[in-house]
Structure formats: C-alpha cells, structure tokens
Protein backbone atom coordinates (compact mmCIF):
# COMPACT_ATOMS: atom_id res chain seq x y z
CA MET A 1 -2.95 11.81 -10.96
CA THR A 2 -0.65 9.60 -9.03
CA ASP A 3 2.91 8.71 -10.20
CA ILE A 4 4.61 5.64 -8.82
CA THR A 5 7.69 3.67 -9.68
CA LEU A 6 7.51 -0.05 -8.95
CA SER A 7 10.64 -2.26 -8.76
CA VAL A 8 10.28 -5.38 -10.87
CA PRO A 9 13.62 -7.27 -10.60
CA ASP A 10 12.72 -9.91 -13.25
CA ILE A 11 12.55 -7.37 -16.12
CA SER A 12 15.41 -8.30 -18.46
CA CYS A 13 14.37 -7.78 -22.10
CA ASN A 14 12.09 -6.15 -24.64
CA HIS A 15 9.52 -8.98 -24.26
CA CYS A 16 9.22 -8.12 -20.59
CA LYS A 17 8.80 -4.43 -21.39
CA SER A 18 6.08 -5.09 -24.02
CA SER A 19 4.24 -7.61 -21.90
CA ILE A 20 4.02 -5.38 -18.84
CA GLU A 21 3.12 -2.20 -20.79
CA ALA A 22 0.51 -4.07 -22.79
CA ALA A 23 -1.14 -5.32 -19.53
CA LEU A 24 -1.17 -1.84 -17.84
CA VAL A 25 -2.00 0.67 -20.57
CA PRO A 26 -5.51 -0.78 -21.23
CA LEU A 27 -6.53 -0.47 -17.53
CA GLU A 28 -9.06 2.19 -16.99
CA GLY A 29 -7.39 5.01 -15.16
CA VAL A 30 -3.78 4.27 -16.29
CA GLU A 31 -2.50 7.20 -18.23
CA THR A 32 1.02 5.95 -18.88
CA ALA A 33 3.15 2.89 -18.05
CA GLN A 34 6.85 3.00 -18.95
CA VAL A 35 9.12 0.05 -18.29
CA SER A 36 12.88 0.61 -17.86
CA ILE A 37 14.82 -2.54 -18.65
CA ASP A 38 18.06 -1.08 -17.27
CA LYS A 39 16.54 0.08 -13.99
CA ARG A 40 14.21 -2.89 -13.84
CA ASN A 41 11.25 -0.82 -12.85
CA VAL A 42 7.85 0.43 -14.10
CA ALA A 43 6.80 4.03 -13.88
CA VAL A 44 3.02 4.33 -13.85
CA ARG A 45 0.83 7.43 -13.93
CA PHE A 46 -2.73 6.69 -12.96
CA ASP A 47 -5.97 8.14 -11.63
CA ASP A 48 -6.50 6.55 -8.22
CA ASP A 49 -10.14 7.28 -8.37
CA GLN A 50 -10.42 4.82 -11.31
CA VAL A 51 -7.76 2.14 -10.58
CA ASP A 52 -5.92 1.23 -7.38
CA LEU A 53 -2.36 0.12 -6.87
CA ALA A 54 -3.33 -3.43 -6.05
CA THR A 55 -4.99 -3.77 -9.52
CA ILE A 56 -1.80 -2.46 -11.16
CA VAL A 57 0.43 -4.87 -9.20
CA ARG A 58 -1.93 -7.74 -9.98
CA ALA A 59 -1.78 -6.95 -13.68
CA ILE A 60 2.05 -7.13 -13.52
CA ASP A 61 1.87 -10.26 -11.52
CA ASP A 62 -0.57 -11.80 -14.07
CA GLN A 63 2.22 -11.38 -16.73
CA GLY A 64 4.61 -13.48 -14.57
CA TYR A 65 6.56 -10.66 -12.93
CA GLU A 66 6.78 -10.00 -9.28
CA VAL A 67 6.74 -6.46 -7.88
CA ALA A 68 9.39 -6.09 -5.17
CA GLU A 69 8.37 -4.75 -1.80
CA SER A 70 9.29 -1.09 -1.30
C-alpha cells in the first residue's frame, strides 16, 4: 500500500470533502481517502498495482479541484 497526502488549496467546506471522497473511494485500488478541510489536503491510501497517482489526481480534478504541485 502507498500513502500520500495531496495539497488541494480549493477545499473549503463539507461539500468539497464529500465530493472528493465520493470520487476517490470507488476507484479500484483506493483503500481510504480522507479530506481535511482545515489542512486543505487529501490523504489517500492506495494499491499502486491497481491504481496510479495520475488517476487519483484526475479524479480530484474531475470534481473541479486542482491538486497543488508538491
């Protein structure tokens, strides 16, 4: 399993949290996705044999949120 925390500066409310988590959790290989409104980030645990980081970032982007460069 791989754990990563992605910075998503546009997170500001519970709708953002729900939208992003709902987009990530169903992805095959994503074990958990936890959005922190206060920290404006997304902690994701995933199996990189089943899903890659680009797919996770694209799922967040598809919800209208941009992942900040690390």
